[in-house]
Amino acid sequence: MKWMLLFNLAIVTPDGGAQDEIINVYSKHFDSQAKCEQFLANYKGLIHGRGLKSFQSMFKEGYTVTLKNVTCDQPYKSEPLEFSGDGSK
């Protein structure tokens, strides 16, 4: 299984209220945990700068994205939920 960077993001509303939810985003594939961790060590500054700006650009003006953590992880593949199309399972 491949390794990926896992970004843990928190969102703060325009009025300063922190959201309870943490948003997890997987990004960039690696062949091994060692390669992922080496990339993380080499590009930590870039990730905290440009990477955070990229996430910030995905949200409505006034909301603030805070990078809580970046780690190397293997994505969990769960069975997809089936939906009826009317908003219910």
C-alpha atoms as a PDB file:
ATOM      1  CA  MET A   1       0.000   0.000   0.000  1.00  0.00           C
ATOM      2  CA  LYS A   2       1.194   3.519  -0.779  1.00  0.00           C
ATOM      3  CA  TRP A   3       2.015   6.179   1.779  1.00  0.00           C
ATOM      4  CA  MET A   4       0.629   9.706   1.611  1.00  0.00           C
ATOM      5  CA  LEU A   5       0.950  13.017   3.392  1.00  0.00           C
ATOM      6  CA  LEU A   6      -1.979  13.501   5.765  1.00  0.00           C
ATOM      7  CA  PHE A   7      -2.876  17.118   6.545  1.00  0.00           C
ATOM      8  CA  ASN A   8      -5.020  17.817   9.636  1.00  0.00           C
ATOM      9  CA  LEU A   9      -6.750  21.174   9.247  1.00  0.00           C
ATOM     10  CA  ALA A  10      -8.945  23.187  11.595  1.00  0.00           C
ATOM     11  CA  ILE A  11     -11.262  25.958  10.408  1.00  0.00           C
ATOM     12  CA  VAL A  12     -12.013  29.213  12.240  1.00  0.00           C
ATOM     13  CA  THR A  13     -15.169  31.140  11.291  1.00  0.00           C
ATOM     14  CA  PRO A  14     -15.151  34.864  10.459  1.00  0.00           C
ATOM     15  CA  ASP A  15     -16.367  35.688  13.987  1.00  0.00           C
ATOM     16  CA  GLY A  16     -13.394  33.816  15.492  1.00  0.00           C
ATOM     17  CA  GLY A  17     -15.218  30.642  16.461  1.00  0.00           C
ATOM     18  CA  ALA A  18     -13.262  27.432  16.033  1.00  0.00           C
ATOM     19  CA  GLN A  19     -15.096  24.545  14.389  1.00  0.00           C
ATOM     20  CA  ASP A  20     -15.266  21.226  16.244  1.00  0.00           C
ATOM     21  CA  GLU A  21     -14.396  19.258  13.120  1.00  0.00           C
ATOM     22  CA  ILE A  22     -10.890  18.522  11.913  1.00  0.00           C
ATOM     23  CA  ILE A  23     -10.574  18.149   8.148  1.00  0.00           C
ATOM     24  CA  ASN A  24      -8.178  15.427   7.006  1.00  0.00           C
ATOM     25  CA  VAL A  25      -6.724  15.719   3.513  1.00  0.00           C
ATOM     26  CA  TYR A  26      -4.467  13.147   1.886  1.00  0.00           C
ATOM     27  CA  SER A  27      -1.990  14.458  -0.660  1.00  0.00           C
ATOM     28  CA  LYS A  28       0.989  13.171  -2.667  1.00  0.00           C
ATOM     29  CA  HIS A  29       1.766   9.445  -3.006  1.00  0.00           C
ATOM     30  CA  PHE A  30       5.031   7.798  -1.884  1.00  0.00           C
ATOM     31  CA  ASP A  31       6.330   4.266  -2.399  1.00  0.00           C
ATOM     32  CA  SER A  32       7.495   3.927   1.211  1.00  0.00           C
ATOM     33  CA  GLN A  33       7.122   5.482   4.633  1.00  0.00           C
ATOM     34  CA  ALA A  34      10.811   6.461   4.587  1.00  0.00           C
ATOM     35  CA  LYS A  35      10.399   8.426   1.336  1.00  0.00           C
ATOM     36  CA  CYS A  36       7.327  10.178   2.707  1.00  0.00           C
ATOM     37  CA  GLU A  37       9.063  11.143   5.951  1.00  0.00           C
ATOM     38  CA  GLN A  38      12.146  12.345   4.048  1.00  0.00           C
ATOM     39  CA  PHE A  39       9.944  14.567   1.865  1.00  0.00           C
ATOM     40  CA  LEU A  40       8.219  15.907   4.972  1.00  0.00           C
ATOM     41  CA  ALA A  41      11.570  16.704   6.599  1.00  0.00           C
ATOM     42  CA  ASN A  42      12.949  18.371   3.451  1.00  0.00           C
ATOM     43  CA  TYR A  43       9.900  20.486   2.607  1.00  0.00           C
ATOM     44  CA  LYS A  44       8.389  21.315   6.010  1.00  0.00           C
ATOM     45  CA  GLY A  45       8.776  25.065   5.477  1.00  0.00           C
ATOM     46  CA  LEU A  46       7.247  24.941   2.019  1.00  0.00           C
ATOM     47  CA  ILE A  47       4.335  22.848   3.280  1.00  0.00           C
ATOM     48  CA  HIS A  48       3.591  25.316   6.086  1.00  0.00           C
ATOM     49  CA  GLY A  49       3.818  28.250   3.662  1.00  0.00           C
ATOM     50  CA  ARG A  50       2.518  27.501   0.183  1.00  0.00           C
ATOM     51  CA  GLY A  51       0.641  24.362   1.218  1.00  0.00           C
ATOM     52  CA  LEU A  52      -1.360  26.209   3.838  1.00  0.00           C
ATOM     53  CA  LYS A  53      -2.085  29.032   1.358  1.00  0.00           C
ATOM     54  CA  SER A  54      -3.443  26.439  -1.083  1.00  0.00           C
ATOM     55  CA  PHE A  55      -5.857  25.098   1.524  1.00  0.00           C
ATOM     56  CA  GLN A  56      -6.831  28.633   2.560  1.00  0.00           C
ATOM     57  CA  SER A  57      -7.801  29.458  -1.028  1.00  0.00           C
ATOM     58  CA  MET A  58     -10.424  26.667  -0.959  1.00  0.00           C
ATOM     59  CA  PHE A  59     -12.516  28.403   1.695  1.00  0.00           C
ATOM     60  CA  LYS A  60     -14.857  31.348   1.681  1.00  0.00           C
ATOM     61  CA  GLU A  61     -13.364  34.736   2.509  1.00  0.00           C
ATOM     62  CA  GLY A  62     -13.207  35.353   6.248  1.00  0.00           C
ATOM     63  CA  TYR A  63     -12.652  31.726   7.215  1.00  0.00           C
ATOM     64  CA  THR A  64      -9.167  30.837   8.432  1.00  0.00           C
ATOM     65  CA  VAL A  65      -7.452  27.483   7.951  1.00  0.00           C
ATOM     66  CA  THR A  66      -5.048  26.325  10.655  1.00  0.00           C
ATOM     67  CA  LEU A  67      -2.659  23.485   9.939  1.00  0.00           C
ATOM     68  CA  LYS A  68      -2.759  21.290  13.040  1.00  0.00           C
ATOM     69  CA  ASN A  69      -0.454  18.514  11.872  1.00  0.00           C
ATOM     70  CA  VAL A  70       1.148  16.867   8.829  1.00  0.00           C
ATOM     71  CA  THR A  71       2.159  13.216   8.998  1.00  0.00           C
ATOM     72  CA  CYS A  72       2.803  10.248   6.729  1.00  0.00           C
ATOM     73  CA  ASP A  73      -0.018   7.738   6.710  1.00  0.00           C
ATOM     74  CA  GLN A  74      -1.639   4.988   4.680  1.00  0.00           C
ATOM     75  CA  PRO A  75      -5.173   5.896   3.605  1.00  0.00           C
ATOM     76  CA  TYR A  76      -7.903   3.694   5.012  1.00  0.00           C
ATOM     77  CA  LYS A  77     -10.189   2.303   2.328  1.00  0.00           C
ATOM     78  CA  SER A  78     -13.663   1.753   3.733  1.00  0.00           C
ATOM     79  CA  GLU A  79     -16.673   0.397   1.916  1.00  0.00           C
ATOM     80  CA  PRO A  80     -18.626   3.244   0.266  1.00  0.00           C
ATOM     81  CA  LEU A  81     -22.059   4.090   1.622  1.00  0.00           C
ATOM     82  CA  GLU A  82     -24.964   3.690  -0.763  1.00  0.00           C
ATOM     83  CA  PHE A  83     -27.367   6.632  -0.988  1.00  0.00           C
ATOM     84  CA  SER A  84     -30.850   6.682  -2.461  1.00  0.00           C
ATOM     85  CA  GLY A  85     -30.422  10.098  -4.061  1.00  0.00           C
ATOM     86  CA  ASP A  86     -33.003  11.859  -1.871  1.00  0.00           C
ATOM     87  CA  GLY A  87     -30.592  12.692   0.956  1.00  0.00           C
ATOM     88  CA  SER A  88     -31.097   9.531   3.009  1.00  0.00           C
ATOM     89  CA  LYS A  89     -29.181   6.254   3.141  1.00  0.00           C
END
